[in-house]
C-alpha atoms as a PDB file:
ATOM      1  CA  UNK A   1     -13.955   4.920  -8.257  1.00  0.00           C
ATOM      2  CA  UNK A   2     -15.519   6.575 -11.306  1.00  0.00           C
ATOM      3  CA  UNK A   3     -15.360  10.139  -9.926  1.00  0.00           C
ATOM      4  CA  UNK A   4     -18.977  10.935 -10.853  1.00  0.00           C
ATOM      5  CA  UNK A   5     -20.854  13.544  -8.858  1.00  0.00           C
ATOM      6  CA  UNK A   6     -24.620  13.611  -8.305  1.00  0.00           C
ATOM      7  CA  UNK A   7     -25.547  15.752 -11.302  1.00  0.00           C
ATOM      8  CA  UNK A   8     -23.503  13.642 -13.703  1.00  0.00           C
ATOM      9  CA  UNK A   9     -25.189  10.506 -12.358  1.00  0.00           C
ATOM     10  CA  UNK A  10     -28.642  12.036 -12.909  1.00  0.00           C
ATOM     11  CA  UNK A  11     -27.665  12.993 -16.471  1.00  0.00           C
ATOM     12  CA  UNK A  12     -26.531   9.400 -17.098  1.00  0.00           C
ATOM     13  CA  UNK A  13     -29.857   8.045 -15.793  1.00  0.00           C
ATOM     14  CA  UNK A  14     -31.855  10.438 -17.998  1.00  0.00           C
ATOM     15  CA  UNK A  15     -29.681   9.515 -20.967  1.00  0.00           C
ATOM     16  CA  UNK A  16     -30.266   5.795 -20.296  1.00  0.00           C
ATOM     17  CA  UNK A  17     -34.037   6.377 -20.128  1.00  0.00           C
ATOM     18  CA  UNK A  18     -33.956   8.233 -23.445  1.00  0.00           C
ATOM     19  CA  UNK A  19     -31.717   5.711 -25.228  1.00  0.00           C
ATOM     20  CA  UNK A  20     -33.348   2.537 -23.897  1.00  0.00           C
ATOM     21  CA  UNK A  21     -36.900   3.750 -23.925  1.00  0.00           C
ATOM     22  CA  UNK A  22     -39.692   2.886 -21.515  1.00  0.00           C
ATOM     23  CA  UNK A  23     -40.245  -0.581 -23.037  1.00  0.00           C
ATOM     24  CA  UNK A  24     -36.749  -1.969 -22.474  1.00  0.00           C
ATOM     25  CA  UNK A  25     -35.847  -0.031 -19.312  1.00  0.00           C
ATOM     26  CA  UNK A  26     -37.366  -2.542 -16.796  1.00  0.00           C
ATOM     27  CA  UNK A  27     -35.570  -5.408 -18.523  1.00  0.00           C
ATOM     28  CA  UNK A  28     -32.185  -3.664 -18.321  1.00  0.00           C
ATOM     29  CA  UNK A  29     -32.826  -2.595 -14.725  1.00  0.00           C
ATOM     30  CA  UNK A  30     -33.463  -6.247 -13.816  1.00  0.00           C
ATOM     31  CA  UNK A  31     -30.241  -7.267 -15.611  1.00  0.00           C
ATOM     32  CA  UNK A  32     -28.324  -4.610 -13.694  1.00  0.00           C
ATOM     33  CA  UNK A  33     -29.815  -5.865 -10.427  1.00  0.00           C
ATOM     34  CA  UNK A  34     -28.788  -9.447 -11.220  1.00  0.00           C
ATOM     35  CA  UNK A  35     -25.279  -8.276 -12.139  1.00  0.00           C
ATOM     36  CA  UNK A  36     -24.895  -6.402  -8.852  1.00  0.00           C
ATOM     37  CA  UNK A  37     -26.239  -9.392  -6.891  1.00  0.00           C
ATOM     38  CA  UNK A  38     -23.817 -11.780  -8.647  1.00  0.00           C
ATOM     39  CA  UNK A  39     -20.888  -9.439  -8.003  1.00  0.00           C
ATOM     40  CA  UNK A  40     -21.823  -9.266  -4.326  1.00  0.00           C
ATOM     41  CA  UNK A  41     -22.066 -13.070  -4.087  1.00  0.00           C
ATOM     42  CA  UNK A  42     -18.714 -13.454  -5.856  1.00  0.00           C
ATOM     43  CA  UNK A  43     -17.060 -11.053  -3.418  1.00  0.00           C
ATOM     44  CA  UNK A  44     -18.592 -12.869  -0.448  1.00  0.00           C
ATOM     45  CA  UNK A  45     -17.413 -16.278  -1.743  1.00  0.00           C
ATOM     46  CA  UNK A  46     -13.903 -14.914  -2.270  1.00  0.00           C
ATOM     47  CA  UNK A  47     -13.921 -13.503   1.259  1.00  0.00           C
ATOM     48  CA  UNK A  48     -14.970 -16.818   2.825  1.00  0.00           C
ATOM     49  CA  UNK A  49     -12.464 -18.740   0.693  1.00  0.00           C
ATOM     50  CA  UNK A  50      -9.693 -16.398   1.822  1.00  0.00           C
ATOM     51  CA  UNK A  51     -10.668 -16.861   5.473  1.00  0.00           C
ATOM     52  CA  UNK A  52     -10.714 -20.654   5.024  1.00  0.00           C
ATOM     53  CA  UNK A  53      -7.289 -20.690   3.385  1.00  0.00           C
ATOM     54  CA  UNK A  54      -5.681 -18.321   5.886  1.00  0.00           C
ATOM     55  CA  UNK A  55      -6.739 -20.458   8.823  1.00  0.00           C
ATOM     56  CA  UNK A  56      -7.788 -19.589  12.362  1.00  0.00           C
ATOM     57  CA  UNK A  57      -4.799 -17.325  13.058  1.00  0.00           C
ATOM     58  CA  UNK A  58      -6.135 -14.894  10.459  1.00  0.00           C
ATOM     59  CA  UNK A  59      -9.208 -14.178  12.563  1.00  0.00           C
ATOM     60  CA  UNK A  60      -7.070 -13.521  15.664  1.00  0.00           C
ATOM     61  CA  UNK A  61      -5.375 -10.467  14.136  1.00  0.00           C
ATOM     62  CA  UNK A  62      -6.292  -7.153  15.747  1.00  0.00           C
ATOM     63  CA  UNK A  63      -6.736  -4.989  12.642  1.00  0.00           C
ATOM     64  CA  UNK A  64      -7.263  -1.846  14.738  1.00  0.00           C
ATOM     65  CA  UNK A  65      -3.567  -1.934  15.648  1.00  0.00           C
ATOM     66  CA  UNK A  66      -2.711  -1.407  11.972  1.00  0.00           C
ATOM     67  CA  UNK A  67      -5.049   1.549  11.485  1.00  0.00           C
ATOM     68  CA  UNK A  68      -2.934   4.421  10.075  1.00  0.00           C
ATOM     69  CA  UNK A  69      -5.235   7.028  11.624  1.00  0.00           C
ATOM     70  CA  UNK A  70      -3.929   6.224  15.094  1.00  0.00           C
ATOM     71  CA  UNK A  71      -0.348   7.248  14.282  1.00  0.00           C
ATOM     72  CA  UNK A  72       0.693  10.817  15.011  1.00  0.00           C
ATOM     73  CA  UNK A  73       3.703  11.761  12.852  1.00  0.00           C
ATOM     74  CA  UNK A  74       4.742  14.496  15.298  1.00  0.00           C
ATOM     75  CA  UNK A  75       4.894  11.976  18.144  1.00  0.00           C
ATOM     76  CA  UNK A  76       6.884   9.518  16.036  1.00  0.00           C
ATOM     77  CA  UNK A  77       9.444  12.182  15.072  1.00  0.00           C
ATOM     78  CA  UNK A  78       9.657  13.456  18.669  1.00  0.00           C
ATOM     79  CA  UNK A  79      10.320   9.938  19.976  1.00  0.00           C
ATOM     80  CA  UNK A  80      12.914   9.300  17.286  1.00  0.00           C
ATOM     81  CA  UNK A  81      14.769  12.497  18.165  1.00  0.00           C
ATOM     82  CA  UNK A  82      14.645  12.089  21.943  1.00  0.00           C
ATOM     83  CA  UNK A  83      15.594   8.419  22.269  1.00  0.00           C
ATOM     84  CA  UNK A  84      19.348   7.863  22.437  1.00  0.00           C
ATOM     85  CA  UNK A  85      20.976   5.953  19.620  1.00  0.00           C
ATOM     86  CA  UNK A  86      22.170   2.568  20.972  1.00  0.00           C
ATOM     87  CA  UNK A  87      24.915   2.324  18.342  1.00  0.00           C
ATOM     88  CA  UNK A  88      26.379   5.670  19.408  1.00  0.00           C
ATOM     89  CA  UNK A  89      26.480   4.582  23.052  1.00  0.00           C
ATOM     90  CA  UNK A  90      28.602   1.487  22.369  1.00  0.00           C
ATOM     91  CA  UNK A  91      31.478   3.196  20.557  1.00  0.00           C
ATOM     92  CA  UNK A  92      33.762   5.450  22.567  1.00  0.00           C
ATOM     93  CA  UNK A  93      36.109   6.816  19.934  1.00  0.00           C
ATOM     94  CA  UNK A  94      36.208   6.467  16.226  1.00  0.00           C
ATOM     95  CA  UNK A  95      39.593   6.030  14.634  1.00  0.00           C
ATOM     96  CA  UNK A  96      39.925   6.811  10.984  1.00  0.00           C
ATOM     97  CA  UNK A  97      42.399   4.761   8.954  1.00  0.00           C
ATOM     98  CA  UNK A  98      45.534   6.672   8.122  1.00  0.00           C
ATOM     99  CA  UNK A  99      45.744   7.448   4.411  1.00  0.00           C
ATOM    100  CA  UNK A 100      48.632   5.784   2.637  1.00  0.00           C
ATOM    101  CA  UNK A 101      50.903   8.289   0.979  1.00  0.00           C
ATOM    102  CA  UNK A 102      52.591   7.666  -2.337  1.00  0.00           C
ATOM    103  CA  UNK A 103      56.040   6.096  -2.082  1.00  0.00           C
ATOM    104  CA  UNK A 104      57.994   6.223  -5.354  1.00  0.00           C
ATOM    105  CA  UNK A 105      60.216   3.364  -4.185  1.00  0.00           C
ATOM    106  CA  UNK A 106      57.339   0.911  -3.933  1.00  0.00           C
ATOM    107  CA  UNK A 107      55.646  -0.629  -6.960  1.00  0.00           C
ATOM    108  CA  UNK A 108      52.386   0.939  -8.008  1.00  0.00           C
ATOM    109  CA  UNK A 109      49.353  -1.086  -6.926  1.00  0.00           C
ATOM    110  CA  UNK A 110      47.761  -2.802  -9.888  1.00  0.00           C
ATOM    111  CA  UNK A 111      44.256  -4.208 -10.082  1.00  0.00           C
ATOM    112  CA  UNK A 112      43.833  -6.672 -12.943  1.00  0.00           C
ATOM    113  CA  UNK A 113      40.042  -6.629 -12.631  1.00  0.00           C
ATOM    114  CA  UNK A 114      39.814  -2.848 -12.929  1.00  0.00           C
ATOM    115  CA  UNK A 115      41.667  -2.590 -16.233  1.00  0.00           C
END
């Protein structure tokens, strides 16, 4: 989330100890603990509220079926290439419309909306 490695975290802790001092450090550590506890409780309440609003069918969903790690892209492509296309099997021949040639004896087609 914050992209902080171990050494950077240690430097931040040492910096907090130096800036806050040994007198105020326990007070701020307790505040941080309360903040983390409240955030955890808030997330848990939101989770239970979501489950209550979604109803019982929400708990019946098998979430493992939607796990993207189970899909093999090579298998999906292989199956797509080997299965016959049902649309191609229904049509026997495709007839292209014959292009209309220009006839100087006929009036030129005019589209009022295009001009």
